[in-house]
Every structure is written in structure tokens, then in C-alpha cells.
Amino acid sequence: HYTLGEDITFSPLAADSIISIESSDVTLDLGGWSIIQGNATAGVNGILIAEGLERVSVMNGTIRNVTGIGIVINNLVTPQKNLIIREILFDGCQSRGISSTNVLPLLPIQKIRIENCSFTECLLPATGDSIIFLSATRSVFKNIYIANQSVAIGNKTLFNAGVTLSSIDSILVERFIATGSLIGFNSNNIAA
């Protein structure tokens, strides 16, 4: 169990992650503090959860002004199991708030729980979606607030393709500035 004792401001010279979780059975409690990118270096992520991990939790704080993704779930080859992301404010994450890296639906993240999270001013035009999972199963998305997004044609607030046997409950999306057509919510293959 790890708990922040103060804000972390990170100003890297190249693309990187502010915090990398590389082991299973880790709880990262931000303790109400913030993880902040302090410069404009492109491709900086807030938190990276490494491939194949189990029982990882990230909670209770803010990820602010990263030029990349707030939380990256790296599962190109080996999916994670039993992840919890709760009570996180994603503020100004330019690429996405939360994103998985898998491209194969045969490798779904199993049992991810995202609850009581807010996404504000994430998603610059033409760069991505607020939350994206290309493959997940037995997951819960609950009490999610998404606001103040500026999006371009074809961008979405919440995109879940190949999410099966999962629950989606209480998602509020408001205050959007959009050019062209806006896809506010896209979810395919949801099965209870």
C-alpha cells in the first residue's frame, strides 16, 4: 500500500509516465493529492499499469494536465485482472482519461471497476476519447461524470468496444463543445 504525502509535479524532457506500477497486489492511494505534469512535453502519462498485473487499485486524488493519458492500462499481450480505479479526478488529460492498449479482443481486461471518477477538460480535439476499452469483461463502470470536453468529428466521451458481462450505471455527460457530429457514448456488445 502506497500513499502520497504531497502533490507530485513532474517535468520530463521526453515522453514518460509520472508513476509506473510494475507489480501485482498494489494499492496507490493518492491521499487527496495531485499528480501534475509541470511542462508541455508531449506524450506524458499520469500512471502506467504494467502488463499482466492483478489486484491493482488507484484511488482518491487528481491527475492533472498530462499531455498523454491519465491512466494507461498496458495490456498488449497479457491482460490485467481485478483492477480498481475510484475517486479520481482526471483534469486536463489531453489524449484520454483512461485507456487500455490492447488491440485484440481475445485479451480482455478482466474485472476492472471504475467508479466515482470525474473527467473534466480532457480530450483535446481530434486526439481521442475520455475512456476507452477495446476489450474488457466482468467489469463495472459506475458514477462517472464527464464534462467540459471539446471534441472533433467522431470523438467519443466513453468508448467501450467488446465489453461483455459488465455493468454500466450512472454516467453523466454534460457541457460539450463539438464540431461536426458528436458521438457521446459508444458501447458495443454489452451483455449482462
N, C-alpha and C. Protein backbone atom coordinates (compact mmCIF):
# COMPACT_ATOMS: atom_id res chain seq x y z
N HIS A 1 0.85 -1.17 0.00
CA HIS A 1 0.00 0.00 0.00
C HIS A 1 0.90 1.23 0.00
N TYR A 2 0.68 2.12 -0.96
CA TYR A 2 1.46 3.35 -1.09
C TYR A 2 0.50 4.53 -1.02
N THR A 3 0.89 5.57 -0.28
CA THR A 3 0.07 6.77 -0.14
C THR A 3 0.92 8.00 -0.39
N LEU A 4 0.43 8.91 -1.24
CA LEU A 4 1.15 10.17 -1.46
C LEU A 4 1.03 11.04 -0.23
N GLY A 5 2.09 11.82 0.05
CA GLY A 5 2.08 12.75 1.17
C GLY A 5 2.02 14.20 0.72
N GLU A 6 2.11 14.41 -0.61
CA GLU A 6 2.03 15.75 -1.17
C GLU A 6 1.82 15.64 -2.67
N ASP A 7 1.53 16.78 -3.31
CA ASP A 7 1.41 16.79 -4.76
C ASP A 7 2.74 16.40 -5.40
N ILE A 8 2.65 15.73 -6.55
CA ILE A 8 3.84 15.42 -7.35
C ILE A 8 3.72 16.20 -8.65
N THR A 9 4.71 17.06 -8.92
CA THR A 9 4.78 17.77 -10.19
C THR A 9 6.00 17.25 -10.94
N PHE A 10 5.77 16.77 -12.16
CA PHE A 10 6.80 16.09 -12.95
C PHE A 10 6.98 16.87 -14.25
N SER A 11 8.22 17.23 -14.58
CA SER A 11 8.52 17.99 -15.79
C SER A 11 9.57 17.26 -16.62
N PRO A 12 9.19 16.18 -17.31
CA PRO A 12 10.18 15.37 -18.04
C PRO A 12 10.63 16.06 -19.34
N LEU A 13 11.78 15.63 -19.84
CA LEU A 13 12.30 16.14 -21.10
C LEU A 13 11.80 15.33 -22.28
N ALA A 14 11.27 14.13 -22.03
CA ALA A 14 10.76 13.26 -23.10
C ALA A 14 9.51 12.55 -22.59
N ALA A 15 8.78 11.91 -23.51
CA ALA A 15 7.58 11.16 -23.14
C ALA A 15 7.90 10.14 -22.06
N ASP A 16 7.04 10.03 -21.06
CA ASP A 16 7.27 9.14 -19.92
C ASP A 16 5.97 9.03 -19.14
N SER A 17 5.97 8.25 -18.06
CA SER A 17 4.85 8.20 -17.13
C SER A 17 5.32 8.76 -15.79
N ILE A 18 4.45 9.51 -15.13
CA ILE A 18 4.83 10.09 -13.84
C ILE A 18 5.01 8.99 -12.80
N ILE A 19 4.09 8.02 -12.77
CA ILE A 19 4.19 6.87 -11.86
C ILE A 19 3.95 5.61 -12.68
N SER A 20 4.79 4.59 -12.47
CA SER A 20 4.60 3.28 -13.11
C SER A 20 4.37 2.24 -12.03
N ILE A 21 3.30 1.49 -12.17
CA ILE A 21 3.03 0.36 -11.27
C ILE A 21 3.46 -0.89 -11.99
N GLU A 22 4.44 -1.59 -11.43
CA GLU A 22 5.08 -2.73 -12.11
C GLU A 22 4.85 -4.06 -11.40
N SER A 23 4.07 -4.08 -10.30
CA SER A 23 3.85 -5.30 -9.53
C SER A 23 2.37 -5.49 -9.22
N SER A 24 1.97 -6.74 -9.07
CA SER A 24 0.61 -7.06 -8.63
C SER A 24 0.45 -6.73 -7.15
N ASP A 25 -0.79 -6.74 -6.69
CA ASP A 25 -1.12 -6.52 -5.28
C ASP A 25 -0.65 -5.16 -4.78
N VAL A 26 -0.90 -4.11 -5.56
CA VAL A 26 -0.50 -2.75 -5.20
C VAL A 26 -1.74 -1.88 -5.07
N THR A 27 -1.79 -1.09 -4.00
CA THR A 27 -2.79 -0.04 -3.85
C THR A 27 -2.04 1.28 -3.82
N LEU A 28 -2.40 2.17 -4.74
CA LEU A 28 -1.84 3.51 -4.77
C LEU A 28 -2.95 4.47 -4.35
N ASP A 29 -2.83 4.99 -3.13
CA ASP A 29 -3.79 5.94 -2.59
C ASP A 29 -3.17 7.33 -2.74
N LEU A 30 -3.77 8.16 -3.57
CA LEU A 30 -3.21 9.50 -3.78
C LEU A 30 -3.45 10.41 -2.57
N GLY A 31 -4.23 9.95 -1.62
CA GLY A 31 -4.40 10.68 -0.36
C GLY A 31 -5.00 12.06 -0.53
N GLY A 32 -5.75 12.26 -1.62
CA GLY A 32 -6.33 13.58 -1.86
C GLY A 32 -5.38 14.53 -2.58
N TRP A 33 -4.17 14.09 -2.86
CA TRP A 33 -3.17 14.91 -3.54
C TRP A 33 -3.27 14.75 -5.06
N SER A 34 -2.43 15.50 -5.78
CA SER A 34 -2.47 15.51 -7.24
C SER A 34 -1.17 15.05 -7.86
N ILE A 35 -1.30 14.42 -9.03
CA ILE A 35 -0.17 14.12 -9.91
C ILE A 35 -0.30 15.10 -11.07
N ILE A 36 0.73 15.92 -11.29
CA ILE A 36 0.63 17.03 -12.23
C ILE A 36 1.82 17.01 -13.18
N GLN A 37 1.57 17.26 -14.46
CA GLN A 37 2.67 17.49 -15.39
C GLN A 37 2.97 18.98 -15.37
N GLY A 38 4.24 19.32 -15.14
CA GLY A 38 4.63 20.71 -14.97
C GLY A 38 5.18 21.39 -16.20
N ASN A 39 5.17 20.70 -17.34
CA ASN A 39 5.64 21.33 -18.58
C ASN A 39 4.78 20.85 -19.74
N ALA A 40 5.18 21.16 -20.97
CA ALA A 40 4.37 20.82 -22.15
C ALA A 40 4.97 19.68 -22.98
N THR A 41 5.89 18.90 -22.43
CA THR A 41 6.46 17.77 -23.16
C THR A 41 5.35 16.82 -23.60
N ALA A 42 5.34 16.47 -24.87
CA ALA A 42 4.28 15.62 -25.42
C ALA A 42 4.40 14.17 -24.92
N GLY A 43 3.25 13.50 -24.82
CA GLY A 43 3.22 12.07 -24.54
C GLY A 43 3.50 11.67 -23.10
N VAL A 44 3.25 12.54 -22.15
CA VAL A 44 3.48 12.22 -20.74
C VAL A 44 2.17 11.71 -20.15
N ASN A 45 2.23 10.50 -19.58
CA ASN A 45 1.07 9.86 -18.94
C ASN A 45 1.13 10.05 -17.43
N GLY A 46 -0.02 10.02 -16.80
CA GLY A 46 -0.06 10.13 -15.34
C GLY A 46 0.42 8.86 -14.67
N ILE A 47 -0.30 7.75 -14.87
CA ILE A 47 0.02 6.47 -14.23
C ILE A 47 -0.01 5.38 -15.29
N LEU A 48 1.00 4.55 -15.29
CA LEU A 48 1.06 3.38 -16.17
C LEU A 48 0.90 2.14 -15.32
N ILE A 49 -0.07 1.29 -15.66
CA ILE A 49 -0.23 -0.01 -15.00
C ILE A 49 0.33 -1.05 -15.97
N ALA A 50 1.41 -1.71 -15.57
CA ALA A 50 2.13 -2.63 -16.45
C ALA A 50 1.29 -3.86 -16.80
N GLU A 51 1.75 -4.55 -17.79
CA GLU A 51 1.06 -5.70 -18.36
C GLU A 51 0.92 -6.87 -17.39
N GLY A 52 -0.25 -7.53 -17.44
CA GLY A 52 -0.46 -8.79 -16.73
C GLY A 52 -0.61 -8.70 -15.23
N LEU A 53 -0.78 -7.51 -14.68
CA LEU A 53 -0.87 -7.38 -13.22
C LEU A 53 -2.26 -7.74 -12.72
N GLU A 54 -2.32 -8.10 -11.44
CA GLU A 54 -3.58 -8.44 -10.78
C GLU A 54 -3.69 -7.68 -9.47
N ARG A 55 -4.94 -7.37 -9.12
CA ARG A 55 -5.24 -6.73 -7.84
C ARG A 55 -4.47 -5.41 -7.66
N VAL A 56 -4.70 -4.49 -8.58
CA VAL A 56 -4.10 -3.15 -8.50
C VAL A 56 -5.23 -2.14 -8.32
N SER A 57 -5.05 -1.23 -7.37
CA SER A 57 -6.03 -0.17 -7.11
C SER A 57 -5.35 1.19 -7.15
N VAL A 58 -6.03 2.15 -7.77
CA VAL A 58 -5.59 3.55 -7.77
C VAL A 58 -6.79 4.36 -7.31
N MET A 59 -6.59 5.22 -6.30
CA MET A 59 -7.74 5.89 -5.71
C MET A 59 -7.42 7.24 -5.09
N ASN A 60 -8.47 8.04 -4.93
CA ASN A 60 -8.51 9.18 -4.02
C ASN A 60 -7.53 10.31 -4.35
N GLY A 61 -7.68 10.91 -5.54
CA GLY A 61 -6.83 12.06 -5.86
C GLY A 61 -7.10 12.60 -7.25
N THR A 62 -6.15 13.36 -7.77
CA THR A 62 -6.30 14.04 -9.05
C THR A 62 -5.12 13.76 -9.95
N ILE A 63 -5.39 13.57 -11.25
CA ILE A 63 -4.35 13.51 -12.28
C ILE A 63 -4.62 14.71 -13.18
N ARG A 64 -3.65 15.64 -13.25
CA ARG A 64 -3.91 16.94 -13.88
C ARG A 64 -2.88 17.30 -14.93
N ASN A 65 -3.40 17.83 -16.05
CA ASN A 65 -2.60 18.48 -17.10
C ASN A 65 -1.53 17.60 -17.73
N VAL A 66 -1.80 16.30 -17.87
CA VAL A 66 -0.84 15.47 -18.60
C VAL A 66 -1.12 15.59 -20.10
N THR A 67 -0.06 15.56 -20.89
CA THR A 67 -0.22 15.69 -22.34
C THR A 67 -0.57 14.36 -22.99
N GLY A 68 -0.47 13.27 -22.24
CA GLY A 68 -0.84 11.95 -22.73
C GLY A 68 -2.14 11.48 -22.11
N ILE A 69 -2.09 10.33 -21.46
CA ILE A 69 -3.26 9.66 -20.89
C ILE A 69 -3.16 9.69 -19.37
N GLY A 70 -4.29 9.91 -18.71
CA GLY A 70 -4.29 9.94 -17.24
C GLY A 70 -3.83 8.63 -16.64
N ILE A 71 -4.50 7.52 -16.97
CA ILE A 71 -4.08 6.18 -16.55
C ILE A 71 -4.06 5.29 -17.78
N VAL A 72 -2.89 4.70 -18.04
CA VAL A 72 -2.70 3.77 -19.15
C VAL A 72 -2.68 2.36 -18.57
N ILE A 73 -3.52 1.50 -19.11
CA ILE A 73 -3.52 0.09 -18.72
C ILE A 73 -2.87 -0.66 -19.87
N ASN A 74 -1.61 -1.04 -19.68
CA ASN A 74 -0.81 -1.65 -20.74
C ASN A 74 -1.08 -3.15 -20.80
N ASN A 75 -1.85 -3.57 -21.78
CA ASN A 75 -2.18 -4.99 -21.90
C ASN A 75 -2.11 -5.45 -23.36
N LEU A 76 -0.98 -5.20 -23.97
CA LEU A 76 -0.80 -5.61 -25.37
C LEU A 76 -0.78 -7.12 -25.52
N VAL A 77 -0.16 -7.84 -24.58
CA VAL A 77 -0.01 -9.29 -24.69
C VAL A 77 -0.73 -10.02 -23.56
N THR A 78 -0.60 -9.52 -22.33
CA THR A 78 -1.18 -10.20 -21.17
C THR A 78 -2.13 -9.27 -20.44
N PRO A 79 -3.42 -9.59 -20.36
CA PRO A 79 -4.38 -8.69 -19.73
C PRO A 79 -4.28 -8.68 -18.21
N GLN A 80 -4.75 -7.58 -17.63
CA GLN A 80 -4.80 -7.46 -16.18
C GLN A 80 -6.11 -8.05 -15.65
N LYS A 81 -6.11 -8.30 -14.33
CA LYS A 81 -7.31 -8.80 -13.65
C LYS A 81 -7.49 -8.02 -12.35
N ASN A 82 -8.75 -7.78 -12.02
CA ASN A 82 -9.09 -7.18 -10.73
C ASN A 82 -8.43 -5.82 -10.50
N LEU A 83 -8.72 -4.88 -11.40
CA LEU A 83 -8.23 -3.51 -11.26
C LEU A 83 -9.35 -2.64 -10.70
N ILE A 84 -8.98 -1.70 -9.83
CA ILE A 84 -9.95 -0.75 -9.29
C ILE A 84 -9.39 0.66 -9.49
N ILE A 85 -10.21 1.51 -10.10
CA ILE A 85 -9.89 2.94 -10.22
C ILE A 85 -11.08 3.67 -9.65
N ARG A 86 -10.89 4.37 -8.54
CA ARG A 86 -12.04 5.02 -7.91
C ARG A 86 -11.65 6.35 -7.28
N GLU A 87 -12.62 7.25 -7.28
CA GLU A 87 -12.48 8.57 -6.68
C GLU A 87 -11.26 9.32 -7.22
N ILE A 88 -11.13 9.31 -8.57
CA ILE A 88 -10.05 10.05 -9.23
C ILE A 88 -10.68 11.14 -10.09
N LEU A 89 -10.13 12.35 -9.99
CA LEU A 89 -10.48 13.44 -10.89
C LEU A 89 -9.40 13.48 -11.98
N PHE A 90 -9.82 13.31 -13.22
CA PHE A 90 -8.93 13.44 -14.38
C PHE A 90 -9.20 14.83 -14.94
N ASP A 91 -8.25 15.74 -14.80
CA ASP A 91 -8.46 17.13 -15.19
C ASP A 91 -7.40 17.55 -16.20
N GLY A 92 -7.82 17.83 -17.42
CA GLY A 92 -6.90 18.31 -18.44
C GLY A 92 -5.99 17.25 -19.02
N CYS A 93 -6.43 15.99 -19.03
CA CYS A 93 -5.65 14.91 -19.68
C CYS A 93 -5.87 15.04 -21.19
N GLN A 94 -4.85 15.40 -21.93
CA GLN A 94 -5.05 15.81 -23.31
C GLN A 94 -5.38 14.69 -24.28
N SER A 95 -4.84 13.50 -24.08
CA SER A 95 -5.13 12.42 -25.02
C SER A 95 -6.38 11.65 -24.60
N ARG A 96 -6.37 11.09 -23.40
CA ARG A 96 -7.52 10.36 -22.85
C ARG A 96 -7.43 10.39 -21.33
N GLY A 97 -8.55 10.11 -20.69
CA GLY A 97 -8.54 9.97 -19.24
C GLY A 97 -7.99 8.61 -18.83
N ILE A 98 -8.64 7.54 -19.32
CA ILE A 98 -8.21 6.16 -19.06
C ILE A 98 -8.21 5.43 -20.39
N SER A 99 -7.17 4.63 -20.61
CA SER A 99 -7.10 3.89 -21.87
C SER A 99 -6.38 2.57 -21.67
N SER A 100 -6.90 1.54 -22.32
CA SER A 100 -6.18 0.27 -22.39
C SER A 100 -5.45 0.24 -23.73
N THR A 101 -4.35 -0.49 -23.78
CA THR A 101 -3.55 -0.54 -25.00
C THR A 101 -3.82 -1.76 -25.86
N ASN A 102 -4.69 -2.65 -25.39
CA ASN A 102 -4.92 -3.88 -26.16
C ASN A 102 -5.62 -3.59 -27.48
N VAL A 103 -5.28 -4.36 -28.48
CA VAL A 103 -5.94 -4.24 -29.78
C VAL A 103 -6.63 -5.54 -30.17
N LEU A 104 -6.43 -6.58 -29.37
CA LEU A 104 -7.03 -7.88 -29.67
C LEU A 104 -8.16 -8.18 -28.69
N PRO A 105 -9.38 -8.40 -29.17
CA PRO A 105 -10.48 -8.71 -28.26
C PRO A 105 -10.32 -10.04 -27.54
N LEU A 106 -9.36 -10.84 -27.96
CA LEU A 106 -9.11 -12.12 -27.29
C LEU A 106 -8.37 -11.95 -25.97
N LEU A 107 -7.91 -10.73 -25.67
CA LEU A 107 -7.16 -10.46 -24.44
C LEU A 107 -7.86 -9.42 -23.58
N PRO A 108 -9.08 -9.70 -23.12
CA PRO A 108 -9.82 -8.68 -22.37
C PRO A 108 -9.26 -8.46 -20.96
N ILE A 109 -9.34 -7.22 -20.52
CA ILE A 109 -9.09 -6.93 -19.11
C ILE A 109 -10.23 -7.58 -18.35
N GLN A 110 -9.92 -8.26 -17.26
CA GLN A 110 -10.95 -8.96 -16.50
C GLN A 110 -11.19 -8.27 -15.16
N LYS A 111 -12.44 -7.95 -14.92
CA LYS A 111 -12.87 -7.38 -13.65
C LYS A 111 -12.19 -6.05 -13.34
N ILE A 112 -12.41 -5.06 -14.19
CA ILE A 112 -11.99 -3.70 -13.86
C ILE A 112 -13.20 -2.98 -13.29
N ARG A 113 -12.95 -2.17 -12.27
CA ARG A 113 -14.02 -1.41 -11.64
C ARG A 113 -13.60 0.06 -11.65
N ILE A 114 -14.36 0.88 -12.37
CA ILE A 114 -14.12 2.32 -12.41
C ILE A 114 -15.34 2.97 -11.81
N GLU A 115 -15.16 3.63 -10.67
CA GLU A 115 -16.31 4.23 -10.01
C GLU A 115 -15.95 5.53 -9.32
N ASN A 116 -16.97 6.41 -9.25
CA ASN A 116 -16.84 7.70 -8.60
C ASN A 116 -15.66 8.50 -9.16
N CYS A 117 -15.54 8.52 -10.48
CA CYS A 117 -14.47 9.26 -11.15
C CYS A 117 -15.07 10.39 -11.98
N SER A 118 -14.32 11.48 -12.11
CA SER A 118 -14.73 12.63 -12.92
C SER A 118 -13.67 12.93 -13.96
N PHE A 119 -14.13 13.33 -15.14
CA PHE A 119 -13.26 13.68 -16.25
C PHE A 119 -13.64 15.07 -16.72
N THR A 120 -12.77 16.06 -16.49
CA THR A 120 -13.07 17.43 -16.90
C THR A 120 -11.95 17.97 -17.78
N GLU A 121 -12.34 18.62 -18.83
CA GLU A 121 -11.41 19.24 -19.77
C GLU A 121 -10.33 18.28 -20.26
N CYS A 122 -10.69 17.02 -20.39
CA CYS A 122 -9.82 16.04 -21.03
C CYS A 122 -10.17 16.04 -22.51
N LEU A 123 -9.36 15.41 -23.31
CA LEU A 123 -9.70 15.21 -24.72
C LEU A 123 -9.64 16.48 -25.55
N LEU A 124 -8.45 16.82 -26.00
CA LEU A 124 -8.33 17.91 -26.96
C LEU A 124 -8.93 17.47 -28.28
N PRO A 125 -9.39 18.39 -29.11
CA PRO A 125 -10.00 17.99 -30.38
C PRO A 125 -9.10 17.08 -31.20
N ALA A 126 -9.71 16.04 -31.75
CA ALA A 126 -9.07 15.11 -32.69
C ALA A 126 -8.01 14.22 -32.07
N THR A 127 -7.97 14.09 -30.74
CA THR A 127 -6.90 13.26 -30.15
C THR A 127 -7.38 11.97 -29.52
N GLY A 128 -8.63 11.82 -29.18
CA GLY A 128 -9.02 10.55 -28.56
C GLY A 128 -10.35 10.61 -27.86
N ASP A 129 -10.56 9.70 -26.92
CA ASP A 129 -11.80 9.55 -26.19
C ASP A 129 -11.51 9.73 -24.70
N SER A 130 -12.51 10.03 -23.89
CA SER A 130 -12.28 10.19 -22.45
C SER A 130 -11.90 8.87 -21.79
N ILE A 131 -12.66 7.82 -22.09
CA ILE A 131 -12.38 6.48 -21.55
C ILE A 131 -12.48 5.50 -22.70
N ILE A 132 -11.49 4.65 -22.88
CA ILE A 132 -11.58 3.67 -23.97
C ILE A 132 -11.07 2.31 -23.51
N PHE A 133 -11.90 1.31 -23.75
CA PHE A 133 -11.53 -0.09 -23.54
C PHE A 133 -11.91 -0.84 -24.80
N LEU A 134 -10.95 -1.48 -25.43
CA LEU A 134 -11.26 -2.24 -26.62
C LEU A 134 -11.70 -3.65 -26.29
N SER A 135 -11.43 -4.10 -25.08
CA SER A 135 -11.84 -5.43 -24.67
C SER A 135 -11.77 -5.54 -23.15
N ALA A 136 -12.93 -5.79 -22.53
CA ALA A 136 -13.00 -5.98 -21.08
C ALA A 136 -14.18 -6.88 -20.78
N THR A 137 -14.08 -7.60 -19.69
CA THR A 137 -15.18 -8.48 -19.30
C THR A 137 -15.37 -8.44 -17.79
N ARG A 138 -16.62 -8.69 -17.37
CA ARG A 138 -16.98 -8.72 -15.94
C ARG A 138 -16.51 -7.44 -15.23
N SER A 139 -16.84 -6.30 -15.82
CA SER A 139 -16.37 -5.02 -15.32
C SER A 139 -17.53 -4.14 -14.87
N VAL A 140 -17.21 -3.11 -14.08
CA VAL A 140 -18.21 -2.17 -13.58
C VAL A 140 -17.73 -0.75 -13.88
N PHE A 141 -18.61 0.03 -14.50
CA PHE A 141 -18.38 1.45 -14.75
C PHE A 141 -19.53 2.17 -14.05
N LYS A 142 -19.25 2.87 -12.93
CA LYS A 142 -20.33 3.39 -12.09
C LYS A 142 -20.01 4.79 -11.57
N ASN A 143 -21.03 5.65 -11.54
CA ASN A 143 -20.91 7.01 -11.03
C ASN A 143 -19.75 7.76 -11.69
N ILE A 144 -19.87 7.94 -12.98
CA ILE A 144 -18.83 8.62 -13.76
C ILE A 144 -19.40 9.94 -14.27
N TYR A 145 -18.62 11.00 -14.10
CA TYR A 145 -19.01 12.33 -14.53
C TYR A 145 -18.01 12.81 -15.58
N ILE A 146 -18.51 13.22 -16.75
CA ILE A 146 -17.65 13.69 -17.84
C ILE A 146 -18.19 15.05 -18.27
N ALA A 147 -17.32 16.09 -18.23
CA ALA A 147 -17.80 17.44 -18.55
C ALA A 147 -16.70 18.30 -19.16
N ASN A 148 -17.15 19.39 -19.79
CA ASN A 148 -16.26 20.41 -20.35
C ASN A 148 -15.28 19.84 -21.36
N GLN A 149 -15.79 19.02 -22.26
CA GLN A 149 -14.96 18.43 -23.29
C GLN A 149 -15.11 19.24 -24.58
N SER A 150 -14.02 19.35 -25.31
CA SER A 150 -14.04 19.95 -26.64
C SER A 150 -13.62 18.87 -27.61
N VAL A 151 -14.54 18.44 -28.45
CA VAL A 151 -14.26 17.27 -29.28
C VAL A 151 -14.47 17.54 -30.76
N ALA A 152 -13.82 16.74 -31.57
CA ALA A 152 -13.94 16.85 -33.02
C ALA A 152 -14.79 15.72 -33.56
N ILE A 153 -15.01 15.71 -34.85
CA ILE A 153 -15.84 14.70 -35.50
C ILE A 153 -15.37 13.29 -35.14
N GLY A 154 -16.31 12.46 -34.71
CA GLY A 154 -16.01 11.06 -34.45
C GLY A 154 -15.42 10.76 -33.08
N ASN A 155 -15.10 11.78 -32.28
CA ASN A 155 -14.59 11.51 -30.95
C ASN A 155 -15.74 11.21 -30.01
N LYS A 156 -15.45 10.46 -28.97
CA LYS A 156 -16.48 10.00 -28.06
C LYS A 156 -16.10 10.30 -26.63
N THR A 157 -17.08 10.37 -25.77
CA THR A 157 -16.80 10.57 -24.36
C THR A 157 -16.43 9.26 -23.68
N LEU A 158 -17.12 8.20 -24.01
CA LEU A 158 -16.88 6.89 -23.42
C LEU A 158 -17.00 5.87 -24.53
N PHE A 159 -15.94 5.13 -24.79
CA PHE A 159 -15.95 4.16 -25.89
C PHE A 159 -15.55 2.81 -25.35
N ASN A 160 -16.43 1.85 -25.46
CA ASN A 160 -16.17 0.50 -25.00
C ASN A 160 -16.60 -0.47 -26.08
N ALA A 161 -15.66 -0.97 -26.82
CA ALA A 161 -15.96 -1.98 -27.84
C ALA A 161 -15.55 -3.33 -27.29
N GLY A 162 -16.41 -4.30 -27.37
CA GLY A 162 -16.06 -5.63 -26.88
C GLY A 162 -16.11 -5.75 -25.37
N VAL A 163 -16.90 -4.92 -24.70
CA VAL A 163 -17.08 -5.03 -23.25
C VAL A 163 -18.24 -5.99 -23.02
N THR A 164 -17.98 -7.09 -22.34
CA THR A 164 -19.01 -8.11 -22.14
C THR A 164 -19.22 -8.40 -20.66
N LEU A 165 -20.39 -8.91 -20.35
CA LEU A 165 -20.75 -9.32 -18.99
C LEU A 165 -20.40 -8.24 -17.98
N SER A 166 -20.75 -6.99 -18.30
CA SER A 166 -20.35 -5.85 -17.49
C SER A 166 -21.55 -4.99 -17.12
N SER A 167 -21.34 -4.09 -16.16
CA SER A 167 -22.39 -3.20 -15.69
C SER A 167 -21.95 -1.75 -15.93
N ILE A 168 -22.85 -0.96 -16.52
CA ILE A 168 -22.61 0.46 -16.72
C ILE A 168 -23.77 1.18 -16.06
N ASP A 169 -23.47 2.06 -15.06
CA ASP A 169 -24.52 2.66 -14.25
C ASP A 169 -24.14 4.10 -13.86
N SER A 170 -25.09 5.00 -13.97
CA SER A 170 -24.95 6.38 -13.50
C SER A 170 -23.77 7.12 -14.14
N ILE A 171 -23.89 7.38 -15.43
CA ILE A 171 -22.88 8.15 -16.14
C ILE A 171 -23.52 9.45 -16.59
N LEU A 172 -22.95 10.58 -16.15
CA LEU A 172 -23.47 11.89 -16.51
C LEU A 172 -22.46 12.57 -17.44
N VAL A 173 -22.94 13.00 -18.59
CA VAL A 173 -22.11 13.68 -19.59
C VAL A 173 -22.76 15.03 -19.86
N GLU A 174 -21.98 16.13 -19.71
CA GLU A 174 -22.56 17.45 -19.94
C GLU A 174 -21.50 18.46 -20.37
N ARG A 175 -21.98 19.60 -20.88
CA ARG A 175 -21.16 20.73 -21.30
C ARG A 175 -20.09 20.34 -22.33
N PHE A 176 -20.57 20.13 -23.55
CA PHE A 176 -19.68 19.77 -24.65
C PHE A 176 -19.61 20.86 -25.69
N ILE A 177 -18.42 21.03 -26.26
CA ILE A 177 -18.24 21.87 -27.43
C ILE A 177 -17.81 20.92 -28.53
N ALA A 178 -18.61 20.80 -29.59
CA ALA A 178 -18.31 19.82 -30.63
C ALA A 178 -18.36 20.45 -32.01
N THR A 179 -17.47 19.97 -32.89
CA THR A 179 -17.54 20.34 -34.29
C THR A 179 -18.02 19.12 -35.06
N GLY A 180 -18.88 19.32 -36.03
CA GLY A 180 -19.40 18.17 -36.77
C GLY A 180 -20.34 17.37 -35.89
N SER A 181 -20.34 16.06 -36.08
CA SER A 181 -21.22 15.21 -35.28
C SER A 181 -20.48 14.69 -34.06
N LEU A 182 -21.18 14.58 -32.97
CA LEU A 182 -20.60 14.11 -31.71
C LEU A 182 -21.19 12.75 -31.38
N ILE A 183 -20.32 11.82 -31.08
CA ILE A 183 -20.76 10.51 -30.59
C ILE A 183 -20.54 10.55 -29.09
N GLY A 184 -21.62 10.74 -28.33
CA GLY A 184 -21.48 10.93 -26.89
C GLY A 184 -21.17 9.64 -26.15
N PHE A 185 -21.70 8.55 -26.62
CA PHE A 185 -21.48 7.28 -25.92
C PHE A 185 -21.51 6.18 -26.96
N ASN A 186 -20.52 5.33 -26.95
CA ASN A 186 -20.47 4.23 -27.89
C ASN A 186 -20.11 2.97 -27.13
N SER A 187 -20.99 2.03 -27.12
CA SER A 187 -20.71 0.79 -26.41
C SER A 187 -21.28 -0.36 -27.22
N ASN A 188 -20.44 -1.29 -27.56
CA ASN A 188 -20.85 -2.43 -28.39
C ASN A 188 -20.76 -3.71 -27.58
N ASN A 189 -21.63 -4.64 -27.87
CA ASN A 189 -21.55 -5.98 -27.30
C ASN A 189 -21.66 -6.02 -25.79
N ILE A 190 -22.43 -5.12 -25.21
CA ILE A 190 -22.65 -5.17 -23.76
C ILE A 190 -23.60 -6.31 -23.46
N ALA A 191 -23.18 -7.17 -22.58
CA ALA A 191 -24.02 -8.30 -22.19
C ALA A 191 -24.04 -8.39 -20.68
N ALA A 192 -25.19 -8.66 -20.12
CA ALA A 192 -25.29 -8.78 -18.65
C ALA A 192 -25.13 -10.22 -18.22
